[in-house]
Amino acid sequence: MKVSRRDNLDRYYLVSWRGWALFAHHIHHDERPNVYHSHPWSWVSLILGCYNDHRIGAPPRRAWLFNWCKAGEPHRVTLPRGPVWSLCLHVPRSVRWAVFDAAGKILEIEPWRGVDHPERTAY
């Protein structure tokens, strides 16, 4: 099984087919304040616990059991009750990964490509 480890989560790739994928997330801690990321695909997630989903220009929303997000929509996650697991299904990629500030300004495109690059900013 392929596992991708990031600063705040581990992603376990379970199944993939023609751009669709199913994976498990183990989210360890909150993402940085005022830094948002988008995904290159739309997704739905079954949450085993809860987390707060923050979207630019909207109040935080407590996500229990289920969450979804459109490709390219910036968001960030905080954990009110500690680490959480989720099971995520995504459709084929349609945009690029991006990182945003709280005003919606793009800080970086495709930041996770070349994660070992010495000048990479850890978001």
Protein backbone atom coordinates (compact mmCIF):
# COMPACT_ATOMS: atom_id res chain seq x y z
CA MET A 1 0.00 0.00 0.00
CA LYS A 2 1.31 3.43 -0.93
CA VAL A 3 1.52 5.90 1.97
CA SER A 4 2.14 9.64 1.61
CA ARG A 5 3.29 11.43 4.77
CA ARG A 6 2.89 15.20 5.10
CA ASP A 7 3.43 17.69 7.91
CA ASN A 8 -0.04 17.24 9.40
CA LEU A 9 -1.40 14.02 7.86
CA ASP A 10 -0.71 10.57 6.47
CA ARG A 11 -2.56 9.47 3.33
CA TYR A 12 -3.06 5.75 2.67
CA TYR A 13 -3.92 5.01 -0.97
CA LEU A 14 -6.45 2.17 -1.03
CA VAL A 15 -7.81 2.01 -4.61
CA SER A 16 -7.39 4.06 -7.78
CA TRP A 17 -8.93 3.69 -11.23
CA ARG A 18 -8.92 6.10 -14.20
CA GLY A 19 -8.35 9.19 -12.05
CA TRP A 20 -10.77 8.16 -9.31
CA ALA A 21 -9.21 7.23 -5.99
CA LEU A 22 -10.15 6.08 -2.51
CA PHE A 23 -7.79 6.73 0.37
CA ALA A 24 -7.70 7.08 4.14
CA HIS A 25 -6.40 10.23 5.85
CA HIS A 26 -5.00 10.23 9.35
CA ILE A 27 -4.93 13.94 10.26
CA HIS A 28 -2.58 14.52 13.20
CA HIS A 29 -2.90 18.23 13.98
CA ASP A 30 -4.31 21.58 12.82
CA GLU A 31 -3.13 23.19 9.62
CA ARG A 32 -1.37 26.56 9.89
CA PRO A 33 -3.64 29.53 10.70
CA ASN A 34 -4.55 31.74 7.73
CA VAL A 35 -3.01 29.36 5.16
CA TYR A 36 -5.46 27.47 2.97
CA HIS A 37 -4.98 24.79 0.30
CA SER A 38 -7.05 23.54 -2.59
CA HIS A 39 -7.24 20.07 -4.09
CA PRO A 40 -6.89 19.30 -7.80
CA TRP A 41 -10.07 17.21 -7.72
CA SER A 42 -13.55 17.35 -6.21
CA TRP A 43 -13.98 14.98 -3.27
CA VAL A 44 -16.32 13.58 -0.65
CA SER A 45 -15.19 12.30 2.71
CA LEU A 46 -16.55 10.05 5.44
CA ILE A 47 -15.18 11.44 8.71
CA LEU A 48 -14.51 9.11 11.62
CA GLY A 49 -14.79 11.80 14.29
CA CYS A 50 -15.00 15.50 13.44
CA TYR A 51 -12.98 18.48 12.31
CA ASN A 52 -13.54 22.16 11.61
CA ASP A 53 -13.52 23.02 7.92
CA HIS A 54 -12.48 26.63 7.25
CA ARG A 55 -13.29 28.24 3.88
CA ILE A 56 -12.14 31.71 2.84
CA GLY A 57 -14.81 34.32 3.62
CA ALA A 58 -17.03 31.96 5.63
CA PRO A 59 -17.22 31.04 9.31
CA PRO A 60 -15.65 27.69 10.28
CA ARG A 61 -18.01 24.76 9.92
CA ARG A 62 -17.90 21.67 12.14
CA ALA A 63 -17.79 18.65 9.83
CA TRP A 64 -19.28 15.53 11.41
CA LEU A 65 -19.44 12.26 9.49
CA PHE A 66 -19.46 13.81 5.99
CA ASN A 67 -17.70 16.59 4.06
CA TRP A 68 -17.17 17.55 0.43
CA CYS A 69 -15.28 20.15 -1.57
CA LYS A 70 -15.10 21.22 -5.21
CA ALA A 71 -11.79 21.09 -7.06
CA GLY A 72 -9.84 24.31 -6.58
CA GLU A 73 -11.84 25.54 -3.55
CA PRO A 74 -9.47 26.71 -0.78
CA HIS A 75 -9.98 25.30 2.71
CA ARG A 76 -8.09 24.35 5.85
CA VAL A 77 -8.75 21.91 8.68
CA THR A 78 -8.50 22.27 12.46
CA LEU A 79 -9.07 19.49 14.97
CA PRO A 80 -11.20 20.41 18.01
CA ARG A 81 -10.95 16.90 19.47
CA GLY A 82 -7.49 15.79 18.42
CA PRO A 83 -6.39 13.46 15.59
CA VAL A 84 -9.05 12.15 13.22
CA TRP A 85 -9.39 9.60 10.41
CA SER A 86 -11.35 10.07 7.20
CA LEU A 87 -12.11 7.96 4.16
CA CYS A 88 -11.96 10.10 1.02
CA LEU A 89 -13.15 9.49 -2.55
CA HIS A 90 -12.04 11.85 -5.30
CA VAL A 91 -12.92 12.20 -8.96
CA PRO A 92 -10.32 12.74 -11.73
CA ARG A 93 -8.03 15.75 -11.44
CA SER A 94 -9.31 18.97 -13.05
CA VAL A 95 -7.12 21.81 -11.64
CA ARG A 96 -3.73 22.23 -9.96
CA TRP A 97 -2.90 22.12 -6.24
CA ALA A 98 -2.55 25.59 -4.73
CA VAL A 99 -1.87 27.31 -1.41
CA PHE A 100 -3.65 30.57 -0.52
CA ASP A 101 -3.52 33.26 2.15
CA ALA A 102 -6.65 34.28 4.09
CA ALA A 103 -7.51 36.91 1.46
CA GLY A 104 -7.53 34.27 -1.30
CA LYS A 105 -4.20 35.31 -2.85
CA ILE A 106 -2.29 32.35 -4.33
CA LEU A 107 0.99 31.80 -2.47
CA GLU A 108 2.17 28.74 -4.37
CA ILE A 109 1.06 26.41 -7.18
CA GLU A 110 1.75 22.64 -6.99
CA PRO A 111 3.64 23.02 -3.68
CA TRP A 112 3.86 19.28 -3.03
CA ARG A 113 5.71 18.52 -6.25
CA GLY A 114 9.37 18.21 -5.33
CA VAL A 115 8.70 18.03 -1.58
CA ASP A 116 12.39 17.36 -0.97
CA HIS A 117 13.47 20.63 -2.61
CA PRO A 118 15.58 22.63 -0.08
CA GLU A 119 13.70 25.91 -0.78
CA ARG A 120 10.25 24.37 -0.30
CA THR A 121 8.03 26.20 2.18
CA ALA A 122 6.31 23.82 4.65
CA TYR A 123 2.64 24.82 4.80
